[in-house]
Amino acid sequence: MQQHQGWVHLLNEQLSEQKAPYSILNASISGETTSGGLSRLPGILADNEVAHLIIELGGNDGLRGYNPKAIKNNLLQMVSLAQEKNIPVSLMQIKITPNYGPRYNQMFEAVFKEVAQETDATLLPFFMEQVALNKALMQADGIHPNVKAQQIIADYVEQQLNQLMN
């Protein structure tokens, strides 16, 4: 999939057409983990004017079976870095496929709720909820959304942003 087909690009186009007072800076790297995001976040915050930080990380950590305590620690540090600069933070709830077992999945999903509660960050619902169980909207790996899903995700995230920014 080309970058211009992705939900962030589509969402930025929508925001531009609506003359929204903000745009989205996509600082993500495909396949990134929370430790990678943590290592890059200080530079991102230093090099950009960030009015609100949305963290959508952790899925790759979960898919690799990383320790939920380490994931939580990385997310806590990321939130702290932003809050030290008085940047409000929203954290996206992340879910992974059930084949890791109920115990790991419960511990993994609890991380996001715990981080939000402990830091007063806003917890946003899982952005893939509307597409993840629809095979027609997923790539063959069953993990990543396909091109058809991108507009659905963009619309969903826009709804969440409208609630945050208004």
Protein backbone atom coordinates (compact mmCIF):
# COMPACT_ATOMS: atom_id res chain seq x y z
CA MET A 1 0.00 0.00 0.00
CA GLN A 2 1.28 3.44 -0.90
CA GLN A 3 1.55 6.13 1.79
CA HIS A 4 -1.09 8.28 0.07
CA GLN A 5 -3.54 5.37 0.46
CA GLY A 6 -3.14 5.15 4.23
CA TRP A 7 -5.61 6.44 6.78
CA VAL A 8 -3.34 9.21 8.12
CA HIS A 9 -2.95 10.73 4.65
CA LEU A 10 -6.69 10.40 3.99
CA LEU A 11 -7.49 11.97 7.34
CA ASN A 12 -5.15 14.91 6.72
CA GLU A 13 -6.86 15.49 3.36
CA GLN A 14 -10.25 15.54 5.11
CA LEU A 15 -8.99 17.94 7.78
CA SER A 16 -7.55 20.23 5.11
CA GLU A 17 -10.82 20.25 3.14
CA GLN A 18 -12.71 21.09 6.34
CA LYS A 19 -10.18 23.80 7.18
CA ALA A 20 -9.62 22.16 10.56
CA PRO A 21 -7.34 24.13 12.89
CA TYR A 22 -4.95 21.18 13.14
CA SER A 23 -3.29 18.49 11.07
CA ILE A 24 -1.74 15.12 11.84
CA LEU A 25 1.99 14.53 11.84
CA ASN A 26 2.55 10.84 11.26
CA ALA A 27 5.83 10.06 13.01
CA SER A 28 5.31 6.31 12.86
CA ILE A 29 7.61 3.73 11.35
CA SER A 30 6.15 0.48 10.07
CA GLY A 31 6.86 -2.36 12.49
CA GLU A 32 7.86 -0.04 15.33
CA THR A 33 7.68 -1.12 18.95
CA THR A 34 7.17 0.99 22.06
CA SER A 35 10.93 0.94 22.73
CA GLY A 36 11.56 2.35 19.25
CA GLY A 37 8.89 5.00 19.75
CA LEU A 38 10.39 5.91 23.13
CA SER A 39 13.86 6.29 21.65
CA ARG A 40 12.59 8.58 18.86
CA LEU A 41 10.03 10.64 20.81
CA PRO A 42 12.42 13.21 22.34
CA GLY A 43 13.62 14.18 18.85
CA ILE A 44 10.07 14.31 17.49
CA LEU A 45 8.96 16.60 20.30
CA ALA A 46 12.05 18.79 19.89
CA ASP A 47 11.72 19.13 16.11
CA ASN A 48 7.96 19.71 15.84
CA GLU A 49 5.30 21.92 17.34
CA VAL A 50 3.07 19.32 18.99
CA ALA A 51 -0.25 20.49 20.40
CA HIS A 52 -1.50 17.01 21.29
CA LEU A 53 0.27 13.66 21.23
CA ILE A 54 -1.60 10.54 20.23
CA ILE A 55 0.31 7.34 20.94
CA GLU A 56 -0.76 4.37 18.83
CA LEU A 57 1.96 1.88 19.65
CA GLY A 58 2.21 -1.54 21.23
CA GLY A 59 0.72 -3.86 18.64
CA ASN A 60 4.10 -4.97 17.37
CA ASP A 61 5.30 -5.50 20.94
CA GLY A 62 2.28 -7.73 21.57
CA LEU A 63 2.73 -9.66 18.34
CA ARG A 64 6.31 -10.38 19.41
CA GLY A 65 5.16 -11.51 22.85
CA TYR A 66 7.05 -8.77 24.71
CA ASN A 67 6.59 -8.52 28.44
CA PRO A 68 3.57 -6.31 29.22
CA LYS A 69 5.52 -4.69 32.08
CA ALA A 70 8.17 -3.50 29.59
CA ILE A 71 5.48 -2.22 27.21
CA LYS A 72 3.84 -0.35 30.08
CA ASN A 73 7.13 1.16 31.19
CA ASN A 74 7.87 2.41 27.67
CA LEU A 75 4.41 3.94 27.35
CA LEU A 76 4.65 5.58 30.78
CA GLN A 77 7.95 7.18 29.79
CA MET A 78 6.51 8.42 26.50
CA VAL A 79 3.51 10.00 28.21
CA SER A 80 5.81 11.58 30.79
CA LEU A 81 8.05 13.09 28.11
CA ALA A 82 5.06 14.83 26.54
CA GLN A 83 3.44 15.87 29.81
CA GLU A 84 6.72 17.43 30.96
CA LYS A 85 6.29 19.78 27.97
CA ASN A 86 2.62 20.39 28.86
CA ILE A 87 1.47 18.43 25.82
CA PRO A 88 -1.82 16.60 26.38
CA VAL A 89 -1.61 12.90 25.57
CA SER A 90 -4.12 10.41 24.23
CA LEU A 91 -3.30 6.74 24.19
CA MET A 92 -4.92 4.38 21.72
CA GLN A 93 -6.15 1.08 23.15
CA ILE A 94 -4.48 -1.73 21.22
CA LYS A 95 -5.66 -5.30 20.84
CA ILE A 96 -3.90 -8.29 19.35
CA THR A 97 -5.02 -11.57 17.90
CA PRO A 98 -6.33 -14.11 20.44
CA ASN A 99 -3.77 -16.81 19.63
CA TYR A 100 -1.46 -15.53 22.38
CA GLY A 101 -3.86 -16.93 24.94
CA PRO A 102 -6.31 -15.26 27.29
CA ARG A 103 -3.77 -14.60 30.05
CA TYR A 104 -1.31 -12.71 27.81
CA ASN A 105 -4.11 -10.87 25.99
CA GLN A 106 -5.66 -9.71 29.28
CA MET A 107 -2.31 -8.51 30.61
CA PHE A 108 -1.52 -6.83 27.28
CA GLU A 109 -4.84 -4.98 26.99
CA ALA A 110 -4.70 -3.91 30.65
CA VAL A 111 -1.44 -2.05 29.99
CA PHE A 112 -3.18 0.72 28.05
CA LYS A 113 -5.91 1.21 30.62
CA GLU A 114 -3.36 1.29 33.44
CA VAL A 115 -1.12 3.81 31.68
CA ALA A 116 -4.07 6.09 30.96
CA GLN A 117 -5.28 5.87 34.57
CA GLU A 118 -1.84 6.41 36.09
CA THR A 119 -1.02 9.42 33.89
CA ASP A 120 -4.44 10.99 33.28
CA ALA A 121 -3.91 10.46 29.54
CA THR A 122 -7.08 10.04 27.51
CA LEU A 123 -7.67 6.42 26.50
CA LEU A 124 -9.07 6.16 22.98
CA PRO A 125 -10.89 3.05 21.75
CA PHE A 126 -9.08 0.58 19.51
CA PHE A 127 -9.04 2.21 16.07
CA MET A 128 -9.30 -1.11 14.22
CA GLU A 129 -12.47 -2.28 16.00
CA GLN A 130 -14.67 -1.67 12.95
CA VAL A 131 -12.40 -3.48 10.50
CA ALA A 132 -10.38 -6.14 12.36
CA LEU A 133 -13.04 -8.85 12.23
CA ASN A 134 -14.05 -8.21 8.62
CA LYS A 135 -11.84 -10.36 6.38
CA ALA A 136 -12.76 -8.21 3.37
CA LEU A 137 -11.04 -5.27 5.05
CA MET A 138 -7.89 -7.09 6.13
CA GLN A 139 -4.72 -8.10 4.34
CA ALA A 140 -3.95 -11.80 3.94
CA ASP A 141 -1.98 -11.80 7.21
CA GLY A 142 -5.21 -11.11 9.12
CA ILE A 143 -3.40 -8.43 11.14
CA HIS A 144 -3.11 -5.38 8.90
CA PRO A 145 -5.98 -3.48 7.28
CA ASN A 146 -6.10 -3.33 3.50
CA VAL A 147 -6.68 -0.32 1.24
CA LYS A 148 -10.48 -0.65 1.52
CA ALA A 149 -10.27 -0.27 5.31
CA GLN A 150 -8.25 2.95 5.26
CA GLN A 151 -11.15 5.37 4.77
CA ILE A 152 -13.15 3.62 7.51
CA ILE A 153 -10.22 4.03 9.90
CA ALA A 154 -9.70 7.67 8.86
CA ASP A 155 -13.37 8.45 9.53
CA TYR A 156 -13.27 6.70 12.90
CA VAL A 157 -10.11 8.50 14.03
CA GLU A 158 -11.58 11.81 12.85
CA GLN A 159 -14.58 11.22 15.12
CA GLN A 160 -12.24 10.58 18.05
CA LEU A 161 -10.19 13.70 17.25
CA ASN A 162 -13.29 15.86 16.97
CA GLN A 163 -14.22 14.84 20.51
CA LEU A 164 -10.70 15.56 21.77
CA MET A 165 -10.16 18.88 20.03
CA ASN A 166 -13.55 20.45 20.64
